[in-house]
């Protein structure tokens, strides 16, 4: 089974997290650390709050010629969350958490960082 390498990254709520400079900074950070992944960074999400949110694009199953949907590498997602957390704490001095979605239990994203 293939691993999902497409991620949506939703930054925390706050004007400082919506500037073109900040969004470019986060993109560069993630692209450098995870060159095999494709990131879409957006401030439009119903899950947006005081945390970063990582959402894997899982693909689809069914229909003619379909294949199994890709699953995210949860270890890599944890590392991405930790990277974002450390970057913000180191540079922006704000209490930020990171979440990934989906988790093994259905429901809204859960806090996973720092440290898992």
N, C-alpha and C. Protein backbone atom coordinates (compact mmCIF):
# COMPACT_ATOMS: atom_id res chain seq x y z
N UNK A 1 0.84 -1.17 0.00
CA UNK A 1 0.00 0.00 0.00
C UNK A 1 0.89 1.24 0.00
N UNK A 2 0.49 2.23 -0.78
CA UNK A 2 1.28 3.45 -0.83
C UNK A 2 1.01 4.35 0.36
N UNK A 3 1.94 5.25 0.64
CA UNK A 3 1.83 6.17 1.76
C UNK A 3 1.38 7.52 1.21
N UNK A 4 0.46 8.15 1.92
CA UNK A 4 -0.03 9.48 1.55
C UNK A 4 1.10 10.50 1.71
N UNK A 5 1.38 11.23 0.66
CA UNK A 5 2.44 12.25 0.70
C UNK A 5 1.89 13.65 0.39
N UNK A 6 0.58 13.79 0.42
CA UNK A 6 -0.07 15.08 0.18
C UNK A 6 -0.72 15.53 1.48
N UNK A 7 -0.34 16.70 1.96
CA UNK A 7 -0.83 17.20 3.25
C UNK A 7 -1.40 18.60 3.12
N UNK A 8 -2.49 18.82 3.83
CA UNK A 8 -3.01 20.17 4.01
C UNK A 8 -2.51 20.64 5.37
N UNK A 9 -1.96 21.83 5.42
CA UNK A 9 -1.46 22.42 6.66
C UNK A 9 -2.30 23.66 6.96
N UNK A 10 -2.94 23.66 8.11
CA UNK A 10 -3.76 24.79 8.54
C UNK A 10 -3.05 25.46 9.71
N UNK A 11 -2.61 26.71 9.53
CA UNK A 11 -1.95 27.39 10.64
C UNK A 11 -2.95 27.84 11.70
N UNK A 12 -2.45 28.20 12.87
CA UNK A 12 -3.33 28.67 13.95
C UNK A 12 -4.06 29.96 13.57
N UNK A 13 -5.12 30.24 14.30
CA UNK A 13 -5.83 31.51 14.14
C UNK A 13 -4.95 32.64 14.64
N UNK A 14 -4.99 33.74 13.95
CA UNK A 14 -4.23 34.92 14.36
C UNK A 14 -3.65 35.62 13.15
N UNK A 15 -3.72 36.93 13.16
CA UNK A 15 -3.24 37.72 12.03
C UNK A 15 -1.77 37.43 11.71
N UNK A 16 -0.96 37.18 12.73
CA UNK A 16 0.46 36.91 12.49
C UNK A 16 0.68 35.60 11.74
N UNK A 17 -0.32 34.71 11.71
CA UNK A 17 -0.21 33.43 11.02
C UNK A 17 -0.87 33.47 9.64
N UNK A 18 -1.30 34.65 9.21
CA UNK A 18 -1.97 34.78 7.91
C UNK A 18 -1.17 35.61 6.92
N UNK A 19 -0.04 36.13 7.33
CA UNK A 19 0.74 36.97 6.44
C UNK A 19 1.38 36.12 5.34
N UNK A 20 1.56 36.69 4.16
CA UNK A 20 2.25 35.95 3.09
C UNK A 20 3.65 35.50 3.52
N UNK A 21 4.32 36.33 4.32
CA UNK A 21 5.67 35.98 4.77
C UNK A 21 5.66 34.74 5.67
N UNK A 22 4.72 34.69 6.60
CA UNK A 22 4.63 33.53 7.49
C UNK A 22 4.29 32.26 6.71
N UNK A 23 3.31 32.37 5.82
CA UNK A 23 2.91 31.19 5.04
C UNK A 23 4.07 30.70 4.18
N UNK A 24 4.84 31.61 3.59
CA UNK A 24 6.01 31.22 2.81
C UNK A 24 7.09 30.59 3.69
N UNK A 25 7.24 31.12 4.90
CA UNK A 25 8.21 30.59 5.87
C UNK A 25 7.88 29.13 6.23
N UNK A 26 6.61 28.87 6.49
CA UNK A 26 6.18 27.51 6.84
C UNK A 26 6.34 26.57 5.65
N UNK A 27 5.99 27.05 4.45
CA UNK A 27 6.16 26.22 3.25
C UNK A 27 7.63 25.86 3.06
N UNK A 28 8.52 26.83 3.18
CA UNK A 28 9.96 26.57 3.00
C UNK A 28 10.47 25.59 4.06
N UNK A 29 10.03 25.76 5.29
CA UNK A 29 10.44 24.86 6.37
C UNK A 29 10.02 23.42 6.08
N UNK A 30 8.77 23.23 5.71
CA UNK A 30 8.28 21.88 5.43
C UNK A 30 8.88 21.30 4.16
N UNK A 31 9.00 22.11 3.11
CA UNK A 31 9.58 21.62 1.84
C UNK A 31 11.02 21.18 2.03
N UNK A 32 11.77 21.91 2.85
CA UNK A 32 13.16 21.53 3.10
C UNK A 32 13.25 20.24 3.91
N UNK A 33 12.41 20.12 4.92
CA UNK A 33 12.47 18.95 5.80
C UNK A 33 11.85 17.70 5.17
N UNK A 34 10.85 17.90 4.29
CA UNK A 34 10.11 16.77 3.70
C UNK A 34 9.97 16.98 2.18
N UNK A 35 11.09 16.84 1.45
CA UNK A 35 11.04 17.12 0.00
C UNK A 35 10.17 16.16 -0.80
N UNK A 36 9.86 14.99 -0.26
CA UNK A 36 9.03 14.02 -0.98
C UNK A 36 7.53 14.24 -0.77
N UNK A 37 7.18 15.24 0.03
CA UNK A 37 5.77 15.53 0.31
C UNK A 37 5.32 16.78 -0.44
N UNK A 38 4.02 16.84 -0.69
CA UNK A 38 3.41 18.04 -1.27
C UNK A 38 2.52 18.65 -0.20
N UNK A 39 2.73 19.94 0.07
CA UNK A 39 1.98 20.64 1.11
C UNK A 39 1.09 21.71 0.50
N UNK A 40 -0.15 21.75 0.96
CA UNK A 40 -1.06 22.84 0.65
C UNK A 40 -1.29 23.56 1.97
N UNK A 41 -0.92 24.83 2.01
CA UNK A 41 -1.07 25.60 3.24
C UNK A 41 -2.24 26.55 3.04
N UNK A 42 -3.22 26.45 3.94
CA UNK A 42 -4.42 27.26 3.82
C UNK A 42 -4.90 27.74 5.17
N UNK A 43 -5.49 28.91 5.18
CA UNK A 43 -6.09 29.44 6.40
C UNK A 43 -7.60 29.19 6.41
N UNK A 44 -8.11 28.52 5.39
CA UNK A 44 -9.54 28.24 5.30
C UNK A 44 -9.79 26.80 5.72
N UNK A 45 -10.37 26.63 6.91
CA UNK A 45 -10.67 25.30 7.43
C UNK A 45 -11.62 25.41 8.60
N UNK A 46 -12.56 24.49 8.67
CA UNK A 46 -13.46 24.47 9.83
C UNK A 46 -12.76 23.95 11.08
N UNK A 47 -11.55 23.40 10.93
CA UNK A 47 -10.79 22.89 12.07
C UNK A 47 -9.79 23.92 12.61
N UNK A 48 -9.77 25.11 12.06
CA UNK A 48 -8.78 26.11 12.47
C UNK A 48 -9.07 26.64 13.88
N UNK A 49 -8.04 26.61 14.72
CA UNK A 49 -8.15 27.17 16.07
C UNK A 49 -6.77 27.62 16.51
N UNK A 50 -6.38 27.39 17.75
CA UNK A 50 -5.08 27.86 18.24
C UNK A 50 -3.95 26.87 17.97
N UNK A 51 -4.18 25.90 17.09
CA UNK A 51 -3.21 24.86 16.78
C UNK A 51 -2.92 24.81 15.29
N UNK A 52 -1.76 24.29 14.94
CA UNK A 52 -1.56 23.84 13.57
C UNK A 52 -2.39 22.57 13.41
N UNK A 53 -2.93 22.37 12.22
CA UNK A 53 -3.65 21.14 11.92
C UNK A 53 -3.05 20.56 10.64
N UNK A 54 -2.70 19.28 10.68
CA UNK A 54 -2.20 18.56 9.50
C UNK A 54 -3.28 17.59 9.06
N UNK A 55 -3.68 17.69 7.80
CA UNK A 55 -4.73 16.83 7.27
C UNK A 55 -4.19 16.12 6.04
N UNK A 56 -4.08 14.79 6.09
CA UNK A 56 -3.60 14.06 4.91
C UNK A 56 -4.70 13.99 3.86
N UNK A 57 -4.31 14.13 2.58
CA UNK A 57 -5.23 13.93 1.47
C UNK A 57 -5.17 12.45 1.12
N UNK A 58 -6.18 11.72 1.54
CA UNK A 58 -6.12 10.26 1.49
C UNK A 58 -6.48 9.66 0.14
N UNK A 59 -7.03 10.42 -0.78
CA UNK A 59 -7.43 9.84 -2.05
C UNK A 59 -8.78 9.17 -1.92
N UNK A 60 -9.12 8.36 -2.91
CA UNK A 60 -10.44 7.72 -2.90
C UNK A 60 -10.33 6.26 -3.29
N UNK A 61 -11.34 5.52 -2.90
CA UNK A 61 -11.43 4.10 -3.23
C UNK A 61 -12.76 3.89 -3.95
N UNK A 62 -12.76 3.04 -4.95
CA UNK A 62 -13.99 2.73 -5.65
C UNK A 62 -13.97 3.26 -7.06
N UNK A 63 -14.88 2.74 -7.84
CA UNK A 63 -14.96 3.17 -9.22
C UNK A 63 -14.02 2.37 -10.11
N UNK A 64 -14.13 2.63 -11.37
CA UNK A 64 -13.35 1.90 -12.37
C UNK A 64 -11.86 2.19 -12.23
N UNK A 65 -11.06 1.13 -12.17
CA UNK A 65 -9.61 1.27 -12.10
C UNK A 65 -9.09 1.86 -10.81
N UNK A 66 -9.87 1.84 -9.76
CA UNK A 66 -9.43 2.46 -8.51
C UNK A 66 -8.40 1.59 -7.80
N UNK A 67 -7.67 2.24 -6.93
CA UNK A 67 -6.69 1.54 -6.09
C UNK A 67 -7.00 1.89 -4.65
N UNK A 68 -6.37 1.20 -3.74
CA UNK A 68 -6.56 1.52 -2.32
C UNK A 68 -6.09 2.93 -2.03
N UNK A 69 -6.82 3.61 -1.20
CA UNK A 69 -6.43 4.96 -0.80
C UNK A 69 -5.12 4.88 -0.01
N UNK A 70 -4.30 5.89 -0.16
CA UNK A 70 -3.05 5.96 0.58
C UNK A 70 -3.32 6.34 2.03
N UNK A 71 -2.54 5.77 2.92
CA UNK A 71 -2.65 6.09 4.33
C UNK A 71 -1.49 6.97 4.74
N UNK A 72 -1.70 7.86 5.70
CA UNK A 72 -0.59 8.71 6.12
C UNK A 72 0.40 7.95 7.00
N UNK A 73 1.63 8.37 6.94
CA UNK A 73 2.66 7.86 7.84
C UNK A 73 2.53 8.68 9.13
N UNK A 74 1.94 8.08 10.14
CA UNK A 74 1.65 8.83 11.37
C UNK A 74 2.93 9.28 12.08
N UNK A 75 4.00 8.55 11.93
CA UNK A 75 5.27 8.97 12.52
C UNK A 75 5.75 10.25 11.83
N UNK A 76 5.67 10.27 10.51
CA UNK A 76 6.08 11.47 9.77
C UNK A 76 5.18 12.65 10.13
N UNK A 77 3.88 12.40 10.30
CA UNK A 77 2.97 13.49 10.67
C UNK A 77 3.31 14.02 12.06
N UNK A 78 3.66 13.13 12.98
CA UNK A 78 4.07 13.56 14.32
C UNK A 78 5.32 14.43 14.22
N UNK A 79 6.28 14.00 13.39
CA UNK A 79 7.51 14.78 13.22
C UNK A 79 7.22 16.14 12.60
N UNK A 80 6.31 16.19 11.63
CA UNK A 80 5.93 17.48 11.02
C UNK A 80 5.32 18.40 12.07
N UNK A 81 4.43 17.85 12.88
CA UNK A 81 3.81 18.64 13.94
C UNK A 81 4.85 19.17 14.91
N UNK A 82 5.79 18.33 15.28
CA UNK A 82 6.85 18.76 16.20
C UNK A 82 7.71 19.85 15.57
N UNK A 83 8.01 19.71 14.28
CA UNK A 83 8.81 20.70 13.57
C UNK A 83 8.10 22.06 13.58
N UNK A 84 6.82 22.07 13.26
CA UNK A 84 6.05 23.31 13.26
C UNK A 84 5.98 23.91 14.67
N UNK A 85 5.74 23.06 15.66
CA UNK A 85 5.67 23.52 17.05
C UNK A 85 6.97 24.17 17.47
N UNK A 86 8.09 23.50 17.24
CA UNK A 86 9.39 24.02 17.65
C UNK A 86 9.72 25.31 16.92
N UNK A 87 9.35 25.39 15.65
CA UNK A 87 9.62 26.60 14.87
C UNK A 87 8.86 27.79 15.44
N UNK A 88 7.59 27.61 15.74
CA UNK A 88 6.78 28.69 16.26
C UNK A 88 7.24 29.10 17.66
N UNK A 89 7.51 28.13 18.51
CA UNK A 89 7.97 28.45 19.86
C UNK A 89 9.32 29.17 19.80
N UNK A 90 10.18 28.73 18.90
CA UNK A 90 11.51 29.34 18.78
C UNK A 90 11.49 30.73 18.17
N UNK A 91 10.53 31.00 17.28
CA UNK A 91 10.54 32.26 16.55
C UNK A 91 9.39 33.20 16.88
N UNK A 92 8.28 32.67 17.33
CA UNK A 92 7.10 33.51 17.52
C UNK A 92 6.62 33.56 18.96
N UNK A 93 7.23 32.78 19.85
CA UNK A 93 6.95 32.82 21.29
C UNK A 93 5.45 32.78 21.61
N UNK A 94 4.79 31.78 21.10
CA UNK A 94 3.37 31.63 21.40
C UNK A 94 3.10 30.17 21.76
N UNK A 95 2.16 29.94 22.64
CA UNK A 95 1.77 28.59 23.02
C UNK A 95 0.94 27.99 21.89
N UNK A 96 1.58 27.20 21.04
CA UNK A 96 0.92 26.61 19.89
C UNK A 96 0.99 25.09 20.03
N UNK A 97 -0.09 24.45 19.68
CA UNK A 97 -0.13 22.99 19.63
C UNK A 97 -0.31 22.57 18.19
N UNK A 98 -0.08 21.29 17.91
CA UNK A 98 -0.26 20.77 16.57
C UNK A 98 -1.17 19.56 16.62
N UNK A 99 -2.02 19.41 15.62
CA UNK A 99 -2.94 18.29 15.57
C UNK A 99 -2.84 17.62 14.21
N UNK A 100 -3.12 16.34 14.20
CA UNK A 100 -3.25 15.65 12.93
C UNK A 100 -4.65 15.07 12.85
N UNK A 101 -5.12 14.92 11.66
CA UNK A 101 -6.44 14.36 11.44
C UNK A 101 -6.41 13.58 10.15
N UNK A 102 -6.94 12.40 10.03
CA UNK A 102 -7.73 11.72 11.04
C UNK A 102 -6.88 10.92 12.01
N UNK A 103 -7.41 10.63 13.14
CA UNK A 103 -6.80 9.73 14.11
C UNK A 103 -7.48 8.38 13.96
N UNK A 104 -7.03 7.40 14.73
CA UNK A 104 -7.64 6.08 14.65
C UNK A 104 -9.07 6.08 15.16
N UNK A 105 -9.41 7.04 16.01
CA UNK A 105 -10.77 7.16 16.52
C UNK A 105 -11.46 8.30 15.78
N UNK A 106 -12.64 8.06 15.21
CA UNK A 106 -13.32 9.14 14.48
C UNK A 106 -13.60 10.33 15.39
N UNK A 107 -13.62 11.49 14.81
CA UNK A 107 -13.89 12.71 15.55
C UNK A 107 -12.98 13.81 15.11
N UNK A 108 -13.04 14.94 15.79
CA UNK A 108 -12.19 16.07 15.40
C UNK A 108 -10.73 15.79 15.67
N UNK A 109 -9.84 16.57 15.07
CA UNK A 109 -8.42 16.37 15.31
C UNK A 109 -8.07 16.42 16.79
N UNK A 110 -7.05 15.67 17.15
CA UNK A 110 -6.63 15.67 18.56
C UNK A 110 -5.23 16.24 18.65
N UNK A 111 -4.89 16.80 19.79
CA UNK A 111 -3.58 17.40 19.99
C UNK A 111 -2.53 16.31 20.08
N UNK A 112 -1.43 16.47 19.32
CA UNK A 112 -0.41 15.44 19.30
C UNK A 112 0.99 15.94 19.60
N UNK A 113 1.19 17.22 19.78
CA UNK A 113 2.56 17.64 20.00
C UNK A 113 2.59 18.77 21.01
N UNK A 114 3.70 18.99 21.65
CA UNK A 114 4.96 18.33 21.42
C UNK A 114 5.03 16.97 22.10
N UNK A 115 5.87 16.14 21.58
CA UNK A 115 6.20 14.89 22.21
C UNK A 115 5.19 13.78 22.03
N UNK A 116 4.12 13.99 21.27
CA UNK A 116 3.20 12.91 20.95
C UNK A 116 2.05 12.70 21.84
